[in-house]
């Protein structure tokens, strides 16, 4: 699920970058956290809880690696939510930068990494 989300986000950003980043600028311009931006962290947290359950009760070799990455991603998501004021300023500078393409490729690589991890472990 994380891999697909990252791959789709990267693909949309690479294909329709002007529209995608205009929408992102709108989100990050808001002083208050837009409710739409609560959905991805909630999904990541739910997946992390499921991964911990699976790691503890339905052990798979190398499953702890997936659980570790999801736990790290959950912590990062919570950090960004709790520090919205600082996070939004950082992200607003990033998405307003005309040289944002490397971030798109980083998202693509992360998505492929999560996909490879899922295929390798499960």
PDB file of N, CA and C in Angstrom:
ATOM      1  N   UNK A   1       0.824  -1.192   0.000  1.00  0.00           N
ATOM      2  CA  UNK A   1       0.000   0.000   0.000  1.00  0.00           C
ATOM      3  C   UNK A   1       0.877   1.268   0.000  1.00  0.00           C
ATOM      4  N   UNK A   2       1.918   1.261   0.838  1.00  0.00           N
ATOM      5  CA  UNK A   2       2.827   2.412   0.879  1.00  0.00           C
ATOM      6  C   UNK A   2       3.552   2.545  -0.462  1.00  0.00           C
ATOM      7  N   UNK A   3       3.991   1.423  -1.014  1.00  0.00           N
ATOM      8  CA  UNK A   3       4.688   1.447  -2.294  1.00  0.00           C
ATOM      9  C   UNK A   3       3.797   2.026  -3.384  1.00  0.00           C
ATOM     10  N   UNK A   4       2.566   1.577  -3.442  1.00  0.00           N
ATOM     11  CA  UNK A   4       1.656   2.073  -4.472  1.00  0.00           C
ATOM     12  C   UNK A   4       1.378   3.560  -4.284  1.00  0.00           C
ATOM     13  N   UNK A   5       1.187   3.997  -3.046  1.00  0.00           N
ATOM     14  CA  UNK A   5       0.942   5.419  -2.786  1.00  0.00           C
ATOM     15  C   UNK A   5       2.126   6.265  -3.252  1.00  0.00           C
ATOM     16  N   UNK A   6       3.332   5.826  -2.934  1.00  0.00           N
ATOM     17  CA  UNK A   6       4.523   6.572  -3.351  1.00  0.00           C
ATOM     18  C   UNK A   6       4.699   6.554  -4.866  1.00  0.00           C
ATOM     19  N   UNK A   7       4.461   5.401  -5.486  1.00  0.00           N
ATOM     20  CA  UNK A   7       4.620   5.301  -6.937  1.00  0.00           C
ATOM     21  C   UNK A   7       3.590   6.158  -7.672  1.00  0.00           C
ATOM     22  N   UNK A   8       2.349   6.145  -7.195  1.00  0.00           N
ATOM     23  CA  UNK A   8       1.306   6.962  -7.825  1.00  0.00           C
ATOM     24  C   UNK A   8       1.611   8.445  -7.634  1.00  0.00           C
ATOM     25  N   UNK A   9       2.000   8.811  -6.410  1.00  0.00           N
ATOM     26  CA  UNK A   9       2.327  10.218  -6.139  1.00  0.00           C
ATOM     27  C   UNK A   9       3.480  10.684  -7.025  1.00  0.00           C
ATOM     28  N   UNK A  10       4.508   9.875  -7.155  1.00  0.00           N
ATOM     29  CA  UNK A  10       5.648  10.236  -7.996  1.00  0.00           C
ATOM     30  C   UNK A  10       5.239  10.329  -9.461  1.00  0.00           C
ATOM     31  N   UNK A  11       4.434   9.387  -9.918  1.00  0.00           N
ATOM     32  CA  UNK A  11       3.998   9.406 -11.319  1.00  0.00           C
ATOM     33  C   UNK A  11       3.172  10.646 -11.623  1.00  0.00           C
ATOM     34  N   UNK A  12       2.238  10.965 -10.749  1.00  0.00           N
ATOM     35  CA  UNK A  12       1.407  12.160 -10.957  1.00  0.00           C
ATOM     36  C   UNK A  12       2.281  13.410 -10.922  1.00  0.00           C
ATOM     37  N   UNK A  13       3.214  13.469  -9.976  1.00  0.00           N
ATOM     38  CA  UNK A  13       4.099  14.632  -9.881  1.00  0.00           C
ATOM     39  C   UNK A  13       4.963  14.781 -11.131  1.00  0.00           C
ATOM     40  N   UNK A  14       5.395  13.671 -11.706  1.00  0.00           N
ATOM     41  CA  UNK A  14       6.228  13.742 -12.908  1.00  0.00           C
ATOM     42  C   UNK A  14       5.420  14.045 -14.161  1.00  0.00           C
ATOM     43  N   UNK A  15       4.189  13.539 -14.219  1.00  0.00           N
ATOM     44  CA  UNK A  15       3.365  13.719 -15.418  1.00  0.00           C
ATOM     45  C   UNK A  15       2.641  15.073 -15.425  1.00  0.00           C
ATOM     46  N   UNK A  16       2.038  15.429 -14.300  1.00  0.00           N
ATOM     47  CA  UNK A  16       1.253  16.667 -14.211  1.00  0.00           C
ATOM     48  C   UNK A  16       1.819  17.551 -13.102  1.00  0.00           C
ATOM     49  N   UNK A  17       3.079  17.891 -13.222  1.00  0.00           N
ATOM     50  CA  UNK A  17       3.753  18.575 -12.117  1.00  0.00           C
ATOM     51  C   UNK A  17       3.172  19.949 -11.799  1.00  0.00           C
ATOM     52  N   UNK A  18       2.795  20.716 -12.779  1.00  0.00           N
ATOM     53  CA  UNK A  18       2.277  22.065 -12.514  1.00  0.00           C
ATOM     54  C   UNK A  18       1.014  22.004 -11.658  1.00  0.00           C
ATOM     55  N   UNK A  19       0.071  21.194 -12.056  1.00  0.00           N
ATOM     56  CA  UNK A  19      -1.193  21.079 -11.314  1.00  0.00           C
ATOM     57  C   UNK A  19      -0.960  20.433  -9.936  1.00  0.00           C
ATOM     58  N   UNK A  20      -0.139  19.397  -9.898  1.00  0.00           N
ATOM     59  CA  UNK A  20       0.143  18.687  -8.650  1.00  0.00           C
ATOM     60  C   UNK A  20       0.764  19.630  -7.623  1.00  0.00           C
ATOM     61  N   UNK A  21       1.784  20.374  -8.031  1.00  0.00           N
ATOM     62  CA  UNK A  21       2.466  21.246  -7.090  1.00  0.00           C
ATOM     63  C   UNK A  21       1.662  22.497  -6.759  1.00  0.00           C
ATOM     64  N   UNK A  22       0.774  22.926  -7.639  1.00  0.00           N
ATOM     65  CA  UNK A  22      -0.128  24.036  -7.294  1.00  0.00           C
ATOM     66  C   UNK A  22      -1.058  23.609  -6.160  1.00  0.00           C
ATOM     67  N   UNK A  23      -1.543  22.385  -6.236  1.00  0.00           N
ATOM     68  CA  UNK A  23      -2.404  21.859  -5.172  1.00  0.00           C
ATOM     69  C   UNK A  23      -1.622  21.694  -3.876  1.00  0.00           C
ATOM     70  N   UNK A  24      -0.398  21.208  -3.972  1.00  0.00           N
ATOM     71  CA  UNK A  24       0.447  21.044  -2.785  1.00  0.00           C
ATOM     72  C   UNK A  24       0.746  22.404  -2.144  1.00  0.00           C
ATOM     73  N   UNK A  25       0.986  23.426  -2.970  1.00  0.00           N
ATOM     74  CA  UNK A  25       1.230  24.764  -2.432  1.00  0.00           C
ATOM     75  C   UNK A  25       0.003  25.269  -1.681  1.00  0.00           C
ATOM     76  N   UNK A  26      -1.165  24.982  -2.220  1.00  0.00           N
ATOM     77  CA  UNK A  26      -2.410  25.372  -1.552  1.00  0.00           C
ATOM     78  C   UNK A  26      -2.519  24.701  -0.186  1.00  0.00           C
ATOM     79  N   UNK A  27      -2.193  23.407  -0.108  1.00  0.00           N
ATOM     80  CA  UNK A  27      -2.248  22.692   1.169  1.00  0.00           C
ATOM     81  C   UNK A  27      -1.280  23.289   2.177  1.00  0.00           C
ATOM     82  N   UNK A  28      -0.047  23.495   1.755  1.00  0.00           N
ATOM     83  CA  UNK A  28       0.981  23.958   2.674  1.00  0.00           C
ATOM     84  C   UNK A  28       0.892  25.448   2.981  1.00  0.00           C
ATOM     85  N   UNK A  29       0.104  26.196   2.247  1.00  0.00           N
ATOM     86  CA  UNK A  29      -0.099  27.615   2.538  1.00  0.00           C
ATOM     87  C   UNK A  29      -1.027  27.810   3.733  1.00  0.00           C
ATOM     88  N   UNK A  30      -1.792  26.804   4.038  1.00  0.00           N
ATOM     89  CA  UNK A  30      -2.764  26.903   5.121  1.00  0.00           C
ATOM     90  C   UNK A  30      -2.080  26.885   6.489  1.00  0.00           C
ATOM     91  N   UNK A  31      -2.466  27.846   7.327  1.00  0.00           N
ATOM     92  CA  UNK A  31      -1.914  27.904   8.689  1.00  0.00           C
ATOM     93  C   UNK A  31      -2.388  26.709   9.514  1.00  0.00           C
ATOM     94  N   UNK A  32      -3.608  26.270   9.238  1.00  0.00           N
ATOM     95  CA  UNK A  32      -4.140  25.109   9.950  1.00  0.00           C
ATOM     96  C   UNK A  32      -3.976  23.879   9.076  1.00  0.00           C
ATOM     97  N   UNK A  33      -3.820  22.757   9.709  1.00  0.00           N
ATOM     98  CA  UNK A  33      -3.621  21.501   8.996  1.00  0.00           C
ATOM     99  C   UNK A  33      -4.893  21.115   8.234  1.00  0.00           C
ATOM    100  N   UNK A  34      -4.824  21.023   6.898  1.00  0.00           N
ATOM    101  CA  UNK A  34      -5.997  20.587   6.131  1.00  0.00           C
ATOM    102  C   UNK A  34      -6.376  19.153   6.511  1.00  0.00           C
ATOM    103  N   UNK A  35      -7.663  18.899   6.640  1.00  0.00           N
ATOM    104  CA  UNK A  35      -8.115  17.577   7.067  1.00  0.00           C
ATOM    105  C   UNK A  35      -7.713  16.487   6.079  1.00  0.00           C
ATOM    106  N   UNK A  36      -7.556  16.822   4.815  1.00  0.00           N
ATOM    107  CA  UNK A  36      -7.118  15.843   3.811  1.00  0.00           C
ATOM    108  C   UNK A  36      -5.748  15.262   4.161  1.00  0.00           C
ATOM    109  N   UNK A  37      -4.925  16.069   4.801  1.00  0.00           N
ATOM    110  CA  UNK A  37      -3.568  15.631   5.100  1.00  0.00           C
ATOM    111  C   UNK A  37      -3.500  14.742   6.338  1.00  0.00           C
ATOM    112  N   UNK A  38      -4.631  14.480   6.971  1.00  0.00           N
ATOM    113  CA  UNK A  38      -4.668  13.547   8.095  1.00  0.00           C
ATOM    114  C   UNK A  38      -4.826  12.101   7.627  1.00  0.00           C
ATOM    115  N   UNK A  39      -5.302  11.912   6.410  1.00  0.00           N
ATOM    116  CA  UNK A  39      -5.569  10.562   5.904  1.00  0.00           C
ATOM    117  C   UNK A  39      -4.288   9.731   5.725  1.00  0.00           C
ATOM    118  N   UNK A  40      -3.252  10.244   5.052  1.00  0.00           N
ATOM    119  CA  UNK A  40      -2.048   9.415   4.899  1.00  0.00           C
ATOM    120  C   UNK A  40      -1.401   8.994   6.223  1.00  0.00           C
ATOM    121  N   UNK A  41      -1.220   9.900   7.192  1.00  0.00           N
ATOM    122  CA  UNK A  41      -0.641   9.435   8.465  1.00  0.00           C
ATOM    123  C   UNK A  41      -1.518   8.393   9.168  1.00  0.00           C
ATOM    124  N   UNK A  42      -2.824   8.554   9.081  1.00  0.00           N
ATOM    125  CA  UNK A  42      -3.725   7.574   9.697  1.00  0.00           C
ATOM    126  C   UNK A  42      -3.564   6.210   9.020  1.00  0.00           C
ATOM    127  N   UNK A  43      -3.435   6.202   7.709  1.00  0.00           N
ATOM    128  CA  UNK A  43      -3.248   4.943   6.979  1.00  0.00           C
ATOM    129  C   UNK A  43      -1.905   4.305   7.337  1.00  0.00           C
ATOM    130  N   UNK A  44      -0.864   5.121   7.445  1.00  0.00           N
ATOM    131  CA  UNK A  44       0.457   4.596   7.795  1.00  0.00           C
ATOM    132  C   UNK A  44       0.439   4.028   9.212  1.00  0.00           C
ATOM    133  N   UNK A  45      -0.206   4.726  10.124  1.00  0.00           N
ATOM    134  CA  UNK A  45      -0.301   4.225  11.499  1.00  0.00           C
ATOM    135  C   UNK A  45      -1.069   2.904  11.555  1.00  0.00           C
ATOM    136  N   UNK A  46      -2.156   2.807  10.802  1.00  0.00           N
ATOM    137  CA  UNK A  46      -2.926   1.560  10.768  1.00  0.00           C
ATOM    138  C   UNK A  46      -2.091   0.414  10.200  1.00  0.00           C
ATOM    139  N   UNK A  47      -1.356   0.686   9.137  1.00  0.00           N
ATOM    140  CA  UNK A  47      -0.479  -0.340   8.560  1.00  0.00           C
ATOM    141  C   UNK A  47       0.625  -0.739   9.531  1.00  0.00           C
ATOM    142  N   UNK A  48       1.127   0.215  10.278  1.00  0.00           N
ATOM    143  CA  UNK A  48       2.184  -0.083  11.241  1.00  0.00           C
ATOM    144  C   UNK A  48       1.667  -0.981  12.354  1.00  0.00           C
ATOM    145  N   UNK A  49       0.465  -0.683  12.836  1.00  0.00           N
ATOM    146  CA  UNK A  49      -0.145  -1.538  13.864  1.00  0.00           C
ATOM    147  C   UNK A  49      -0.342  -2.952  13.317  1.00  0.00           C
ATOM    148  N   UNK A  50      -0.829  -3.062  12.081  1.00  0.00           N
ATOM    149  CA  UNK A  50      -1.021  -4.377  11.465  1.00  0.00           C
ATOM    150  C   UNK A  50       0.320  -5.098  11.284  1.00  0.00           C
ATOM    151  N   UNK A  51       1.357  -4.345  10.913  1.00  0.00           N
ATOM    152  CA  UNK A  51       2.678  -4.951  10.732  1.00  0.00           C
ATOM    153  C   UNK A  51       3.233  -5.458  12.058  1.00  0.00           C
ATOM    154  N   UNK A  52       3.049  -4.686  13.120  1.00  0.00           N
ATOM    155  CA  UNK A  52       3.500  -5.138  14.443  1.00  0.00           C
ATOM    156  C   UNK A  52       2.754  -6.401  14.859  1.00  0.00           C
ATOM    157  N   UNK A  53       1.447  -6.422  14.623  1.00  0.00           N
ATOM    158  CA  UNK A  53       0.650  -7.613  14.949  1.00  0.00           C
ATOM    159  C   UNK A  53       1.175  -8.814  14.170  1.00  0.00           C
ATOM    160  N   UNK A  54       1.392  -8.620  12.874  1.00  0.00           N
ATOM    161  CA  UNK A  54       1.879  -9.715  12.033  1.00  0.00           C
ATOM    162  C   UNK A  54       3.281 -10.160  12.452  1.00  0.00           C
ATOM    163  N   UNK A  55       4.125  -9.216  12.799  1.00  0.00           N
ATOM    164  CA  UNK A  55       5.488  -9.562  13.213  1.00  0.00           C
ATOM    165  C   UNK A  55       5.482 -10.369  14.510  1.00  0.00           C
ATOM    166  N   UNK A  56       4.614 -10.002  15.420  1.00  0.00           N
ATOM    167  CA  UNK A  56       4.574 -10.683  16.719  1.00  0.00           C
ATOM    168  C   UNK A  56       3.857 -12.033  16.636  1.00  0.00           C
ATOM    169  N   UNK A  57       2.717 -12.075  15.959  1.00  0.00           N
ATOM    170  CA  UNK A  57       1.884 -13.279  15.990  1.00  0.00           C
ATOM    171  C   UNK A  57       1.979 -14.167  14.750  1.00  0.00           C
ATOM    172  N   UNK A  58       2.470 -13.648  13.643  1.00  0.00           N
ATOM    173  CA  UNK A  58       2.577 -14.417  12.401  1.00  0.00           C
ATOM    174  C   UNK A  58       3.944 -14.166  11.771  1.00  0.00           C
ATOM    175  N   UNK A  59       4.964 -14.516  12.489  1.00  0.00           N
ATOM    176  CA  UNK A  59       6.333 -14.160  12.111  1.00  0.00           C
ATOM    177  C   UNK A  59       6.682 -14.665  10.717  1.00  0.00           C
ATOM    178  N   UNK A  60       7.296 -13.770   9.954  1.00  0.00           N
ATOM    179  CA  UNK A  60       7.881 -14.084   8.654  1.00  0.00           C
ATOM    180  C   UNK A  60       9.352 -13.680   8.721  1.00  0.00           C
ATOM    181  N   UNK A  61      10.234 -14.507   8.173  1.00  0.00           N
ATOM    182  CA  UNK A  61      11.638 -14.072   8.140  1.00  0.00           C
ATOM    183  C   UNK A  61      11.743 -12.714   7.436  1.00  0.00           C
ATOM    184  N   UNK A  62      12.473 -11.825   7.985  1.00  0.00           N
ATOM    185  CA  UNK A  62      12.689 -10.472   7.491  1.00  0.00           C
ATOM    186  C   UNK A  62      11.459  -9.576   7.629  1.00  0.00           C
ATOM    187  N   UNK A  63      10.391 -10.058   8.218  1.00  0.00           N
ATOM    188  CA  UNK A  63       9.211  -9.226   8.422  1.00  0.00           C
ATOM    189  C   UNK A  63       9.493  -8.049   9.342  1.00  0.00           C
ATOM    190  N   UNK A  64      10.439  -8.234  10.246  1.00  0.00           N
ATOM    191  CA  UNK A  64      10.815  -7.147  11.160  1.00  0.00           C
ATOM    192  C   UNK A  64      11.345  -5.951  10.394  1.00  0.00           C
ATOM    193  N   UNK A  65      11.914  -6.188   9.201  1.00  0.00           N
ATOM    194  CA  UNK A  65      12.440  -5.098   8.393  1.00  0.00           C
ATOM    195  C   UNK A  65      11.299  -4.198   7.900  1.00  0.00           C
ATOM    196  N   UNK A  66      10.220  -4.831   7.443  1.00  0.00           N
ATOM    197  CA  UNK A  66       9.045  -4.065   7.010  1.00  0.00           C
ATOM    198  C   UNK A  66       8.474  -3.295   8.196  1.00  0.00           C
ATOM    199  N   UNK A  67       8.372  -3.972   9.338  1.00  0.00           N
ATOM    200  CA  UNK A  67       7.836  -3.332  10.534  1.00  0.00           C
ATOM    201  C   UNK A  67       8.704  -2.146  10.959  1.00  0.00           C
ATOM    202  N   UNK A  68       9.996  -2.288  10.849  1.00  0.00           N
ATOM    203  CA  UNK A  68      10.914  -1.201  11.205  1.00  0.00           C
ATOM    204  C   UNK A  68      10.724   0.004  10.297  1.00  0.00           C
ATOM    205  N   UNK A  69      10.665  -0.233   8.990  1.00  0.00           N
ATOM    206  CA  UNK A  69      10.480   0.871   8.054  1.00  0.00           C
ATOM    207  C   UNK A  69       9.127   1.554   8.265  1.00  0.00           C
ATOM    208  N   UNK A  70       8.084   0.770   8.486  1.00  0.00           N
ATOM    209  CA  UNK A  70       6.775   1.364   8.728  1.00  0.00           C
ATOM    210  C   UNK A  70       6.749   2.138  10.038  1.00  0.00           C
ATOM    211  N   UNK A  71       7.426   1.623  11.050  1.00  0.00           N
ATOM    212  CA  UNK A  71       7.494   2.339  12.330  1.00  0.00           C
ATOM    213  C   UNK A  71       8.202   3.680  12.162  1.00  0.00           C
ATOM    214  N   UNK A  72       9.290   3.682  11.408  1.00  0.00           N
ATOM    215  CA  UNK A  72      10.015   4.915  11.137  1.00  0.00           C
ATOM    216  C   UNK A  72       9.133   5.900  10.365  1.00  0.00           C
ATOM    217  N   UNK A  73       8.422   5.409   9.375  1.00  0.00           N
ATOM    218  CA  UNK A  73       7.525   6.247   8.587  1.00  0.00           C
ATOM    219  C   UNK A  73       6.394   6.805   9.452  1.00  0.00           C
ATOM    220  N   UNK A  74       5.878   5.997  10.368  1.00  0.00           N
ATOM    221  CA  UNK A  74       4.835   6.464  11.287  1.00  0.00           C
ATOM    222  C   UNK A  74       5.346   7.560  12.200  1.00  0.00           C
ATOM    223  N   UNK A  75       6.539   7.371  12.739  1.00  0.00           N
ATOM    224  CA  UNK A  75       7.130   8.388  13.615  1.00  0.00           C
ATOM    225  C   UNK A  75       7.344   9.696  12.852  1.00  0.00           C
ATOM    226  N   UNK A  76       7.812   9.598  11.627  1.00  0.00           N
ATOM    227  CA  UNK A  76       8.010  10.786  10.802  1.00  0.00           C
ATOM    228  C   UNK A  76       6.681  11.485  10.520  1.00  0.00           C
ATOM    229  N   UNK A  77       5.651  10.710  10.220  1.00  0.00           N
ATOM    230  CA  UNK A  77       4.326  11.282   9.962  1.00  0.00           C
ATOM    231  C   UNK A  77       3.788  12.012  11.188  1.00  0.00           C
ATOM    232  N   UNK A  78       3.918  11.383  12.344  1.00  0.00           N
ATOM    233  CA  UNK A  78       3.457  12.024  13.583  1.00  0.00           C
ATOM    234  C   UNK A  78       4.266  13.286  13.893  1.00  0.00           C
ATOM    235  N   UNK A  79       5.562  13.217  13.670  1.00  0.00           N
ATOM    236  CA  UNK A  79       6.408  14.391  13.881  1.00  0.00           C
ATOM    237  C   UNK A  79       5.956  15.547  12.999  1.00  0.00           C
ATOM    238  N   UNK A  80       5.679  15.269  11.738  1.00  0.00           N
ATOM    239  CA  UNK A  80       5.238  16.312  10.820  1.00  0.00           C
ATOM    240  C   UNK A  80       3.890  16.890  11.224  1.00  0.00           C
ATOM    241  N   UNK A  81       2.992  16.048  11.704  1.00  0.00           N
ATOM    242  CA  UNK A  81       1.684  16.539  12.148  1.00  0.00           C
ATOM    243  C   UNK A  81       1.808  17.412  13.390  1.00  0.00           C
ATOM    244  N   UNK A  82       2.614  16.963  14.340  1.00  0.00           N
ATOM    245  CA  UNK A  82       2.747  17.699  15.593  1.00  0.00           C
ATOM    246  C   UNK A  82       3.545  18.994  15.431  1.00  0.00           C
ATOM    247  N   UNK A  83       4.338  19.062  14.400  1.00  0.00           N
ATOM    248  CA  UNK A  83       5.127  20.270  14.119  1.00  0.00           C
ATOM    249  C   UNK A  83       4.683  20.898  12.808  1.00  0.00           C
ATOM    250  N   UNK A  84       3.371  21.010  12.622  1.00  0.00           N
ATOM    251  CA  UNK A  84       2.803  21.475  11.362  1.00  0.00           C
ATOM    252  C   UNK A  84       3.359  22.836  10.944  1.00  0.00           C
ATOM    253  N   UNK A  85       3.470  23.773  11.871  1.00  0.00           N
ATOM    254  CA  UNK A  85       3.912  25.128  11.517  1.00  0.00           C
ATOM    255  C   UNK A  85       5.284  25.109  10.848  1.00  0.00           C
ATOM    256  N   UNK A  86       6.205  24.382  11.416  1.00  0.00           N
ATOM    257  CA  UNK A  86       7.549  24.314  10.843  1.00  0.00           C
ATOM    258  C   UNK A  86       7.564  23.441   9.578  1.00  0.00           C
ATOM    259  N   UNK A  87       6.859  22.321   9.626  1.00  0.00           N
ATOM    260  CA  UNK A  87       6.821  21.400   8.487  1.00  0.00           C
ATOM    261  C   UNK A  87       6.227  22.072   7.257  1.00  0.00           C
ATOM    262  N   UNK A  88       5.142  22.812   7.442  1.00  0.00           N
ATOM    263  CA  UNK A  88       4.484  23.438   6.289  1.00  0.00           C
ATOM    264  C   UNK A  88       5.380  24.477   5.635  1.00  0.00           C
ATOM    265  N   UNK A  89       6.161  25.213   6.427  1.00  0.00           N
ATOM    266  CA  UNK A  89       7.066  26.205   5.856  1.00  0.00           C
ATOM    267  C   UNK A  89       8.162  25.532   5.038  1.00  0.00           C
ATOM    268  N   UNK A  90       8.697  24.442   5.574  1.00  0.00           N
ATOM    269  CA  UNK A  90       9.734  23.699   4.856  1.00  0.00           C
ATOM    270  C   UNK A  90       9.182  23.142   3.549  1.00  0.00           C
ATOM    271  N   UNK A  91       8.012  22.527   3.639  1.00  0.00           N
ATOM    272  CA  UNK A  91       7.417  21.919   2.446  1.00  0.00           C
ATOM    273  C   UNK A  91       6.958  22.975   1.440  1.00  0.00           C
ATOM    274  N   UNK A  92       6.498  24.108   1.923  1.00  0.00           N
ATOM    275  CA  UNK A  92       6.081  25.176   1.014  1.00  0.00           C
ATOM    276  C   UNK A  92       7.268  25.670   0.191  1.00  0.00           C
ATOM    277  N   UNK A  93       8.425  25.822   0.849  1.00  0.00           N
ATOM    278  CA  UNK A  93       9.638  26.209   0.101  1.00  0.00           C
ATOM    279  C   UNK A  93      10.013  25.123  -0.912  1.00  0.00           C
ATOM    280  N   UNK A  94       9.858  23.876  -0.528  1.00  0.00           N
ATOM    281  CA  UNK A  94      10.220  22.767  -1.411  1.00  0.00           C
ATOM    282  C   UNK A  94       9.309  22.705  -2.634  1.00  0.00           C
ATOM    283  N   UNK A  95       7.985  22.746  -2.415  1.00  0.00           N
ATOM    284  CA  UNK A  95       7.064  22.594  -3.548  1.00  0.00           C
ATOM    285  C   UNK A  95       7.016  23.842  -4.416  1.00  0.00           C
ATOM    286  N   UNK A  96       7.424  24.992  -3.888  1.00  0.00           N
ATOM    287  CA  UNK A  96       7.456  26.216  -4.692  1.00  0.00           C
ATOM    288  C   UNK A  96       8.733  26.322  -5.522  1.00  0.00           C
ATOM    289  N   UNK A  97       9.710  25.484  -5.215  1.00  0.00           N
ATOM    290  CA  UNK A  97      10.984  25.502  -5.922  1.00  0.00           C
ATOM    291  C   UNK A  97      10.815  24.899  -7.319  1.00  0.00           C
ATOM    292  N   UNK A  98      11.239  25.595  -8.353  1.00  0.00           N
ATOM    293  CA  UNK A  98      11.100  25.040  -9.716  1.00  0.00           C
ATOM    294  C   UNK A  98      11.986  23.814  -9.954  1.00  0.00           C
ATOM    295  N   UNK A  99      12.965  23.591  -9.102  1.00  0.00           N
ATOM    296  CA  UNK A  99      13.855  22.441  -9.256  1.00  0.00           C
ATOM    297  C   UNK A  99      13.458  21.323  -8.294  1.00  0.00           C
ATOM    298  N   UNK A 100      12.180  20.958  -8.307  1.00  0.00           N
ATOM    299  CA  UNK A 100      11.658  19.960  -7.373  1.00  0.00           C
ATOM    300  C   UNK A 100      11.700  18.544  -7.962  1.00  0.00           C
ATOM    301  N   UNK A 101      12.097  18.405  -9.198  1.00  0.00           N
ATOM    302  CA  UNK A 101      12.133  17.096  -9.865  1.00  0.00           C
ATOM    303  C   UNK A 101      12.914  16.029  -9.094  1.00  0.00           C
ATOM    304  N   UNK A 102      14.049  16.348  -8.486  1.00  0.00           N
ATOM    305  CA  UNK A 102      14.756  15.305  -7.725  1.00  0.00           C
ATOM    306  C   UNK A 102      13.902  14.689  -6.612  1.00  0.00           C
ATOM    307  N   UNK A 103      13.018  15.469  -6.034  1.00  0.00           N
ATOM    308  CA  UNK A 103      12.124  14.944  -4.990  1.00  0.00           C
ATOM    309  C   UNK A 103      11.176  13.914  -5.608  1.00  0.00           C
ATOM    310  N   UNK A 104      10.698  14.195  -6.806  1.00  0.00           N
ATOM    311  CA  UNK A 104       9.817  13.248  -7.497  1.00  0.00           C
ATOM    312  C   UNK A 104      10.538  11.928  -7.748  1.00  0.00           C
ATOM    313  N   UNK A 105      11.786  12.023  -8.163  1.00  0.00           N
ATOM    314  CA  UNK A 105      12.564  10.805  -8.405  1.00  0.00           C
ATOM    315  C   UNK A 105      12.881  10.076  -7.101  1.00  0.00           C
ATOM    316  N   UNK A 106      13.055  10.825  -6.028  1.00  0.00           N
ATOM    317  CA  UNK A 106      13.266  10.221  -4.710  1.00  0.00           C
ATOM    318  C   UNK A 106      12.010   9.460  -4.264  1.00  0.00           C
ATOM    319  N   UNK A 107      10.836  10.047  -4.484  1.00  0.00           N
ATOM    320  CA  UNK A 107       9.577   9.362  -4.174  1.00  0.00           C
ATOM    321  C   UNK A 107       9.436   8.087  -5.000  1.00  0.00           C
ATOM    322  N   UNK A 108       9.802   8.174  -6.263  1.00  0.00           N
ATOM    323  CA  UNK A 108       9.752   7.006  -7.140  1.00  0.00           C
ATOM    324  C   UNK A 108      10.684   5.908  -6.631  1.00  0.00           C
ATOM    325  N   UNK A 109      11.891   6.276  -6.260  1.00  0.00           N
ATOM    326  CA  UNK A 109      12.852   5.300  -5.733  1.00  0.00           C
ATOM    327  C   UNK A 109      12.363   4.702  -4.414  1.00  0.00           C
ATOM    328  N   UNK A 110      11.796   5.528  -3.546  1.00  0.00           N
ATOM    329  CA  UNK A 110      11.263   5.023  -2.271  1.00  0.00           C
ATOM    330  C   UNK A 110      10.109   4.051  -2.518  1.00  0.00           C
ATOM    331  N   UNK A 111       9.249   4.390  -3.470  1.00  0.00           N
ATOM    332  CA  UNK A 111       8.145   3.491  -3.815  1.00  0.00           C
ATOM    333  C   UNK A 111       8.643   2.160  -4.346  1.00  0.00           C
ATOM    334  N   UNK A 112       9.640   2.201  -5.214  1.00  0.00           N
ATOM    335  CA  UNK A 112      10.225   0.963  -5.729  1.00  0.00           C
ATOM    336  C   UNK A 112      10.911   0.182  -4.619  1.00  0.00           C
ATOM    337  N   UNK A 113      11.530   0.894  -3.686  1.00  0.00           N
ATOM    338  CA  UNK A 113      12.166   0.239  -2.543  1.00  0.00           C
ATOM    339  C   UNK A 113      11.148  -0.482  -1.665  1.00  0.00           C
ATOM    340  N   UNK A 114      10.039   0.176  -1.362  1.00  0.00           N
ATOM    341  CA  UNK A 114       8.991  -0.464  -0.568  1.00  0.00           C
ATOM    342  C   UNK A 114       8.372  -1.641  -1.319  1.00  0.00           C
ATOM    343  N   UNK A 115       8.217  -1.507  -2.629  1.00  0.00           N
ATOM    344  CA  UNK A 115       7.680  -2.604  -3.436  1.00  0.00           C
ATOM    345  C   UNK A 115       8.635  -3.795  -3.408  1.00  0.00           C
ATOM    346  N   UNK A 116       9.916  -3.540  -3.584  1.00  0.00           N
ATOM    347  CA  UNK A 116      10.916  -4.619  -3.532  1.00  0.00           C
ATOM    348  C   UNK A 116      10.937  -5.271  -2.154  1.00  0.00           C
ATOM    349  N   UNK A 117      10.836  -4.475  -1.126  1.00  0.00           N
ATOM    350  CA  UNK A 117      10.822  -5.000   0.249  1.00  0.00           C
ATOM    351  C   UNK A 117       9.609  -5.885   0.469  1.00  0.00           C
ATOM    352  N   UNK A 118       8.458  -5.455  -0.006  1.00  0.00           N
ATOM    353  CA  UNK A 118       7.243  -6.257   0.146  1.00  0.00           C
ATOM    354  C   UNK A 118       7.358  -7.583  -0.620  1.00  0.00           C
ATOM    355  N   UNK A 119       7.879  -7.523  -1.837  1.00  0.00           N
ATOM    356  CA  UNK A 119       8.027  -8.739  -2.628  1.00  0.00           C
ATOM    357  C   UNK A 119       9.075  -9.674  -2.025  1.00  0.00           C
ATOM    358  N   UNK A 120      10.151  -9.105  -1.505  1.00  0.00           N
ATOM    359  CA  UNK A 120      11.224  -9.898  -0.903  1.00  0.00           C
ATOM    360  C   UNK A 120      10.751 -10.590   0.378  1.00  0.00           C
ATOM    361  N   UNK A 121      10.051  -9.854   1.213  1.00  0.00           N
ATOM    362  CA  UNK A 121       9.658 -10.397   2.518  1.00  0.00           C
ATOM    363  C   UNK A 121       8.422 -11.263   2.428  1.00  0.00           C
ATOM    364  N   UNK A 122       7.449 -10.825   1.659  1.00  0.00           N
ATOM    365  CA  UNK A 122       6.173 -11.572   1.638  1.00  0.00           C
ATOM    366  C   UNK A 122       5.975 -12.295   0.314  1.00  0.00           C
TER     367      UNK A 122
END
